[in-house]
Amino acid sequence: MTNRERFLNTLRGKPSDRIPMTEICFWPDTIQRWEKEGLPEKTDPLDFLRMERITIAGFDCSLQIDKKMIEETADWKIETDENGVTMKSWKTAYAPPQELDFKIKTESDWKQLKPRLVATWERFSRETIAAMEQAHTDGNLVTIRPEEPCWFALRTIGHKECLELMALEPAFIEDIIATKTDFILEMMALGLTHGLTYDALWFFSDLCYRGGMLFSPAIYRRMILPYHRKVKDFCTRNNLPLLIHCCGDVRQLIPLLMEAGFDCVQPLEARAGNDVRKLKPLHGNKMAFFGNINIDVLARGNQKEIEEEVVTKVEAAKAGGGYIFHSDHSVPPTVSFASYRLAVELARKHGVY
């Protein structure tokens, strides 16, 4: 069974020879540490540990505003990006950038910039096309990652501002979501017309935080669900599973994602209260679960704790198919190579069908 076949079976809730095992992000400092602890230099951990690879491709989803450098030092830089968001990013640390200002503040601002969101073949880069073709040759899963419509609104207006406007000016925010949805589907269709092939569509959109959803279920159903369903309809017509990455406590969101038709949720942060040992019996194979291996447990390095974490979660979540082994977010340098390697070995042993 190829990596691609194993992933696709799992995303459709079917068992395979074993569970797929992958990781989307090892921090740069993690790789540096692991190279001192036994990982051969310049070797991808996925290859060394015999894990599956997912190619995450995309296209230019931006408003295509000219980038502008505002200030730069040896440690950080402040610049305005292609969506008009001014951010401070750090050169010496692996950390999220700090958002400082936004070009879109009012509905009038949006209406002026909205015509820039036009689907064109040129938004697919040559590098992206080549990476997708190589991934198919290698038998790996190819996912297309457009910018999720609500996340686009949150990112281009600012979280606090956008969440307030959802309540105060819902038509304004819904227009952004609707426009972005149509743009994404036009781009996806354009790629297919030009002969591109992708295996799944994967949204990255943090609609939750540690305390739960960023907004009420009612707002989701009214302003976001119809557009997620529109994307799902496209995916169904083209036989593409639909995945979502959402940090935070997703327990209240999961039934809504099921209403929308999502096939898989990732990464199921354990420290936010998510636990596949409870989610799997509750939801069965209605949705595939991807992740949830508590990185805090691996960081402590206690072998018995790691065995308990991995074995109980893999055994529970793999039942009937529909589970992908992955950390509950990403792998920081607090995790030793020995601890992560042990987790992978346990998952491989107990993930067999």
Protein backbone atom coordinates (compact mmCIF):
# COMPACT_ATOMS: atom_id res chain seq x y z
CA MET A 1 0.00 0.00 0.00
CA THR A 2 1.43 3.42 -0.95
CA ASN A 3 1.58 6.37 1.42
CA ARG A 4 -1.10 8.07 -0.66
CA GLU A 5 -3.45 5.08 -0.53
CA ARG A 6 -2.98 4.75 3.23
CA PHE A 7 -3.85 8.41 3.81
CA LEU A 8 -6.86 8.39 1.51
CA ASN A 9 -8.27 5.25 3.13
CA THR A 10 -7.91 6.88 6.54
CA LEU A 11 -9.49 10.16 5.48
CA ARG A 12 -12.47 8.16 4.26
CA GLY A 13 -12.77 6.36 7.58
CA LYS A 14 -11.46 3.02 6.35
CA PRO A 15 -8.72 0.86 7.92
CA SER A 16 -5.54 0.11 6.00
CA ASP A 17 -2.54 -2.10 6.74
CA ARG A 18 -1.66 0.37 9.52
CA ILE A 19 -2.33 3.96 10.55
CA PRO A 20 -0.51 6.68 8.63
CA MET A 21 2.21 8.47 10.63
CA THR A 22 3.41 11.94 9.79
CA GLU A 23 4.46 15.30 11.21
CA ILE A 24 3.87 18.66 9.58
CA CYS A 25 6.36 20.78 11.51
CA PHE A 26 9.60 20.14 13.37
CA TRP A 27 10.96 23.42 14.73
CA PRO A 28 14.40 24.39 13.34
CA ASP A 29 15.86 24.26 16.87
CA THR A 30 14.43 20.76 17.24
CA ILE A 31 16.38 19.53 14.22
CA GLN A 32 19.55 21.12 15.60
CA ARG A 33 19.08 19.34 18.92
CA TRP A 34 18.28 16.00 17.31
CA GLU A 35 21.38 16.12 15.13
CA LYS A 36 23.36 16.09 18.39
CA GLU A 37 21.29 13.16 19.65
CA GLY A 38 21.53 10.72 16.77
CA LEU A 39 19.70 12.14 13.76
CA PRO A 40 22.15 12.19 10.85
CA GLU A 41 22.94 15.72 9.70
CA LYS A 42 20.84 17.12 6.86
CA THR A 43 18.42 14.19 7.13
CA ASP A 44 14.67 14.71 7.21
CA PRO A 45 13.26 13.07 10.36
CA LEU A 46 10.31 11.75 8.33
CA ASP A 47 12.70 9.80 6.12
CA PHE A 48 14.89 8.58 8.97
CA LEU A 49 11.90 7.43 11.05
CA ARG A 50 10.09 5.92 8.02
CA MET A 51 7.04 8.13 8.38
CA GLU A 52 4.67 9.27 5.64
CA ARG A 53 4.97 12.61 3.92
CA ILE A 54 2.19 15.01 2.98
CA THR A 55 2.90 17.62 0.33
CA ILE A 56 1.04 20.82 1.16
CA ALA A 57 0.77 22.94 -1.97
CA GLY A 58 -1.08 26.18 -2.53
CA PHE A 59 -1.53 29.24 -4.65
CA ASP A 60 -1.37 32.99 -4.11
CA CYS A 61 -4.52 33.74 -2.10
CA SER A 62 -3.61 37.34 -1.33
CA LEU A 63 -4.97 40.70 -2.40
CA GLN A 64 -1.64 41.18 -4.19
CA ILE A 65 -0.83 44.50 -2.54
CA ASP A 66 2.79 45.51 -3.01
CA LYS A 67 4.89 44.49 0.00
CA LYS A 68 6.63 47.32 1.82
CA MET A 69 9.57 47.21 4.24
CA ILE A 70 9.05 49.75 7.00
CA GLU A 71 11.87 49.05 9.44
CA GLU A 72 14.54 46.39 9.86
CA THR A 73 17.20 45.54 12.44
CA ALA A 74 19.50 42.57 12.99
CA ASP A 75 16.83 40.91 15.14
CA TRP A 76 13.49 41.79 13.53
CA LYS A 77 11.73 43.51 10.65
CA ILE A 78 8.47 45.37 10.21
CA GLU A 79 6.81 45.11 6.82
CA THR A 80 3.41 45.29 5.16
CA ASP A 81 2.39 42.07 3.40
CA GLU A 82 0.35 41.28 0.30
CA ASN A 83 -2.92 41.70 2.23
CA GLY A 84 -2.00 45.08 3.66
CA VAL A 85 -1.22 43.68 7.13
CA THR A 86 1.73 45.32 8.86
CA MET A 87 3.64 42.77 10.92
CA LYS A 88 6.74 42.55 13.05
CA SER A 89 8.61 39.28 12.59
CA TRP A 90 11.70 38.01 14.34
CA LYS A 91 14.84 36.86 12.56
CA THR A 92 16.47 35.16 15.54
CA ALA A 93 13.52 33.21 16.95
CA TYR A 94 10.95 30.76 15.62
CA ALA A 95 7.82 32.61 16.73
CA PRO A 96 4.60 33.93 15.20
CA PRO A 97 4.79 37.52 13.86
CA GLN A 98 3.08 40.35 15.71
CA GLU A 99 0.30 42.08 13.78
CA LEU A 100 0.55 45.85 14.12
CA ASP A 101 -1.86 47.43 11.64
CA PHE A 102 -4.39 46.57 8.93
CA LYS A 103 -5.23 48.23 5.62
CA ILE A 104 -8.83 46.98 5.83
CA LYS A 105 -10.60 48.70 8.70
CA THR A 106 -14.00 49.49 7.22
CA GLU A 107 -16.41 48.05 4.66
CA SER A 108 -15.38 50.88 2.34
CA ASP A 109 -11.73 49.75 2.57
CA TRP A 110 -12.79 46.21 1.68
CA LYS A 111 -14.85 47.30 -1.31
CA GLN A 112 -11.85 49.16 -2.71
CA LEU A 113 -9.56 46.12 -2.38
CA LYS A 114 -12.09 43.38 -3.16
CA PRO A 115 -11.61 43.59 -6.98
CA ARG A 116 -8.00 42.46 -6.49
CA LEU A 117 -9.18 38.97 -5.53
CA VAL A 118 -9.36 37.58 -9.05
CA ALA A 119 -8.55 33.99 -10.00
CA THR A 120 -5.69 33.70 -12.52
CA TRP A 121 -3.45 30.82 -13.53
CA GLU A 122 -0.40 32.93 -12.65
CA ARG A 123 -1.26 32.57 -8.95
CA PHE A 124 0.06 28.98 -9.18
CA SER A 125 3.86 29.18 -9.01
CA ARG A 126 6.15 26.93 -11.03
CA GLU A 127 7.67 25.67 -7.78
CA THR A 128 4.24 24.62 -6.50
CA ILE A 129 3.38 22.79 -9.71
CA ALA A 130 6.75 20.99 -9.71
CA ALA A 131 6.36 19.97 -6.05
CA MET A 132 2.91 18.52 -6.70
CA GLU A 133 4.12 16.55 -9.70
CA GLN A 134 7.10 15.18 -7.75
CA ALA A 135 4.89 14.18 -4.83
CA HIS A 136 2.60 12.20 -7.11
CA THR A 137 5.63 10.49 -8.65
CA ASP A 138 6.82 9.56 -5.14
CA GLY A 139 3.40 8.18 -4.17
CA ASN A 140 2.75 10.82 -1.51
CA LEU A 141 -0.49 12.57 -0.62
CA VAL A 142 -0.87 15.99 -2.25
CA THR A 143 -3.08 18.49 -0.46
CA ILE A 144 -3.99 21.92 -1.76
CA ARG A 145 -4.03 24.58 0.94
CA PRO A 146 -6.02 27.70 0.11
CA GLU A 147 -6.61 30.32 2.79
CA GLU A 148 -9.82 29.47 4.66
CA PRO A 149 -12.36 32.31 4.14
CA CYS A 150 -13.06 33.17 7.78
CA TRP A 151 -9.36 33.02 8.61
CA PHE A 152 -8.72 35.43 5.74
CA ALA A 153 -11.16 37.89 7.34
CA LEU A 154 -9.61 37.46 10.79
CA ARG A 155 -6.10 37.91 9.39
CA THR A 156 -6.76 40.92 7.16
CA ILE A 157 -8.89 42.89 9.64
CA GLY A 158 -7.45 41.67 12.94
CA HIS A 159 -8.93 39.09 15.30
CA LYS A 160 -10.42 41.50 17.82
CA GLU A 161 -11.79 43.84 15.17
CA CYS A 162 -13.19 41.07 13.00
CA LEU A 163 -14.91 39.28 15.88
CA GLU A 164 -16.58 42.53 16.92
CA LEU A 165 -17.71 43.19 13.34
CA MET A 166 -19.22 39.71 13.12
CA ALA A 167 -21.71 40.89 15.70
CA LEU A 168 -22.02 44.56 14.73
CA GLU A 169 -21.68 44.45 10.91
CA PRO A 170 -22.30 40.82 9.92
CA ALA A 171 -23.05 41.63 6.27
CA PHE A 172 -19.59 43.18 5.90
CA ILE A 173 -17.77 40.10 7.21
CA GLU A 174 -20.02 37.68 5.38
CA ASP A 175 -19.24 39.44 2.11
CA ILE A 176 -15.53 38.84 2.73
CA ILE A 177 -16.19 35.16 3.46
CA ALA A 178 -18.45 34.76 0.42
CA THR A 179 -16.02 36.52 -1.92
CA LYS A 180 -13.07 34.51 -0.66
CA THR A 181 -15.01 31.26 -1.03
CA ASP A 182 -15.87 31.97 -4.65
CA PHE A 183 -12.27 32.95 -5.35
CA ILE A 184 -10.96 29.68 -3.85
CA LEU A 185 -13.35 27.54 -5.87
CA GLU A 186 -12.50 29.42 -9.07
CA MET A 187 -8.79 28.84 -8.40
CA MET A 188 -9.33 25.16 -7.63
CA ALA A 189 -11.33 24.70 -10.82
CA LEU A 190 -8.70 26.60 -12.78
CA GLY A 191 -6.00 24.27 -11.51
CA LEU A 192 -7.98 21.21 -12.56
CA THR A 193 -8.60 22.74 -15.99
CA HIS A 194 -4.83 23.15 -16.42
CA GLY A 195 -4.23 19.51 -15.53
CA LEU A 196 -3.20 19.81 -11.88
CA THR A 197 -4.13 16.90 -9.64
CA TYR A 198 -4.57 17.10 -5.89
CA ASP A 199 -5.80 14.49 -3.45
CA ALA A 200 -7.43 16.66 -0.78
CA LEU A 201 -8.24 20.23 0.21
CA TRP A 202 -6.82 21.34 3.56
CA PHE A 203 -7.90 24.53 5.32
CA PHE A 204 -5.72 26.00 8.07
CA SER A 205 -7.96 28.15 10.24
CA ASP A 206 -7.76 28.68 14.00
CA LEU A 207 -11.44 29.18 14.79
CA CYS A 208 -10.93 28.12 18.42
CA TYR A 209 -8.66 28.95 21.33
CA ARG A 210 -7.92 27.17 24.59
CA GLY A 211 -11.34 28.09 25.98
CA GLY A 212 -13.38 26.96 22.96
CA MET A 213 -14.77 28.59 19.83
CA LEU A 214 -13.94 32.22 18.98
CA PHE A 215 -17.63 32.86 18.30
CA SER A 216 -20.95 31.17 18.99
CA PRO A 217 -22.26 28.12 17.11
CA ALA A 218 -25.10 30.35 15.90
CA ILE A 219 -22.64 32.72 14.20
CA TYR A 220 -20.84 29.76 12.62
CA ARG A 221 -24.09 28.35 11.24
CA ARG A 222 -25.23 31.72 9.92
CA MET A 223 -22.02 33.19 8.51
CA ILE A 224 -19.56 30.36 7.84
CA LEU A 225 -21.36 27.01 7.50
CA PRO A 226 -23.02 27.83 4.13
CA TYR A 227 -19.62 28.62 2.61
CA HIS A 228 -17.88 25.59 4.09
CA ARG A 229 -20.70 23.51 2.59
CA LYS A 230 -20.13 25.18 -0.76
CA VAL A 231 -16.48 24.13 -0.62
CA LYS A 232 -17.50 20.63 0.44
CA ASP A 233 -19.85 20.37 -2.55
CA PHE A 234 -16.90 21.14 -4.84
CA CYS A 235 -14.77 18.55 -3.04
CA THR A 236 -17.50 15.92 -3.34
CA ARG A 237 -17.86 16.53 -7.07
CA ASN A 238 -14.10 16.12 -7.48
CA ASN A 239 -13.61 13.26 -5.00
CA LEU A 240 -11.44 15.33 -2.63
CA PRO A 241 -11.51 14.81 1.15
CA LEU A 242 -11.81 18.09 3.09
CA LEU A 243 -9.51 18.64 6.08
CA ILE A 244 -9.17 21.45 8.59
CA HIS A 245 -6.34 22.47 10.89
CA CYS A 246 -7.79 24.25 13.91
CA CYS A 247 -5.89 24.94 17.11
CA GLY A 248 -7.54 25.22 20.50
CA ASP A 249 -10.45 23.32 22.06
CA VAL A 250 -12.42 22.01 19.07
CA ARG A 251 -14.89 19.82 20.97
CA GLN A 252 -17.81 22.20 20.42
CA LEU A 253 -16.74 22.89 16.84
CA ILE A 254 -16.48 19.25 15.73
CA PRO A 255 -20.26 18.65 15.34
CA LEU A 256 -20.47 21.86 13.30
CA LEU A 257 -17.60 20.71 11.10
CA MET A 258 -19.47 17.48 10.56
CA GLU A 259 -22.55 19.46 9.50
CA ALA A 260 -20.37 21.25 6.97
CA GLY A 261 -19.00 17.94 5.68
CA PHE A 262 -15.37 18.06 6.82
CA ASP A 263 -13.68 14.67 6.66
CA CYS A 264 -10.84 15.27 9.10
CA VAL A 265 -9.73 17.61 11.91
CA GLN A 266 -6.12 18.28 12.97
CA PRO A 267 -4.10 18.71 15.28
CA LEU A 268 -6.39 18.22 18.34
CA GLU A 269 -4.32 20.05 20.94
CA ALA A 270 -4.25 17.97 24.10
CA ARG A 271 -3.51 20.89 26.42
CA ALA A 272 -6.77 22.50 25.21
CA GLY A 273 -8.81 19.52 26.41
CA ASN A 274 -9.10 17.44 23.23
CA ASP A 275 -8.68 13.68 23.70
CA VAL A 276 -9.21 11.12 20.92
CA ARG A 277 -9.90 8.45 23.55
CA LYS A 278 -13.14 10.33 24.22
CA LEU A 279 -13.75 11.80 20.77
CA LYS A 280 -13.60 8.48 18.92
CA PRO A 281 -16.31 6.70 20.99
CA LEU A 282 -18.43 9.86 20.84
CA HIS A 283 -18.24 10.44 17.08
CA GLY A 284 -17.14 7.10 15.68
CA ASN A 285 -16.07 7.24 12.03
CA LYS A 286 -18.06 10.34 11.12
CA MET A 287 -14.76 12.23 10.96
CA ALA A 288 -11.09 11.21 10.86
CA PHE A 289 -8.89 12.40 13.72
CA PHE A 290 -5.37 13.60 13.01
CA GLY A 291 -2.90 14.19 15.86
CA ASN A 292 -3.54 14.60 19.61
CA ILE A 293 -0.25 13.03 20.80
CA ASN A 294 0.50 15.32 23.75
CA ILE A 295 3.81 17.03 23.08
CA ASP A 296 4.06 17.99 26.77
CA VAL A 297 4.17 14.29 27.67
CA LEU A 298 6.91 13.64 25.12
CA ALA A 299 8.86 16.65 26.42
CA ARG A 300 8.92 15.23 29.96
CA GLY A 301 10.70 12.18 28.58
CA ASN A 302 9.22 9.62 30.97
CA GLN A 303 9.04 6.31 29.10
CA LYS A 304 6.00 4.97 30.94
CA GLU A 305 4.08 8.22 30.39
CA ILE A 306 4.96 8.18 26.68
CA GLU A 307 3.82 4.56 26.37
CA GLU A 308 0.52 5.37 28.10
CA GLU A 309 -0.04 8.44 25.91
CA VAL A 310 0.71 6.81 22.57
CA VAL A 311 -0.61 3.29 23.07
CA THR A 312 -3.97 4.23 24.61
CA LYS A 313 -4.65 6.93 22.05
CA VAL A 314 -3.60 4.89 19.02
CA GLU A 315 -5.59 1.85 20.17
CA ALA A 316 -8.71 3.95 20.76
CA ALA A 317 -8.52 6.17 17.70
CA LYS A 318 -7.59 3.56 15.09
CA ALA A 319 -10.72 1.49 15.71
CA GLY A 320 -12.49 0.99 12.40
CA GLY A 321 -10.07 3.34 10.62
CA GLY A 322 -9.87 7.11 10.61
CA TYR A 323 -6.76 8.02 12.65
CA ILE A 324 -3.45 9.63 11.64
CA PHE A 325 -0.55 9.70 14.09
CA HIS A 326 0.83 13.22 14.65
CA SER A 327 1.72 15.47 17.57
CA ASP A 328 -0.97 17.73 18.98
CA HIS A 329 0.57 20.70 17.14
CA SER A 330 4.26 20.72 16.20
CA VAL A 331 7.52 19.41 17.67
CA PRO A 332 9.54 21.94 19.73
CA PRO A 333 13.15 21.52 20.91
CA THR A 334 11.98 20.51 24.39
CA VAL A 335 11.36 17.02 22.95
CA SER A 336 14.39 14.74 22.78
CA PHE A 337 15.09 12.61 19.74
CA ALA A 338 14.86 9.47 21.90
CA SER A 339 11.38 10.43 23.19
CA TYR A 340 9.98 11.21 19.76
CA ARG A 341 11.54 8.08 18.28
CA LEU A 342 9.95 5.98 21.03
CA ALA A 343 6.55 7.51 20.29
CA VAL A 344 6.89 6.66 16.59
CA GLU A 345 7.97 3.08 17.33
CA LEU A 346 5.01 2.59 19.66
CA ALA A 347 2.59 4.04 17.09
CA ARG A 348 3.96 1.76 14.40
CA LYS A 349 3.63 -1.31 16.64
CA HIS A 350 0.14 -0.57 17.91
CA GLY A 351 -1.19 1.05 14.74
CA VAL A 352 -1.32 -2.17 12.73
CA TYR A 353 -4.73 -3.51 11.65
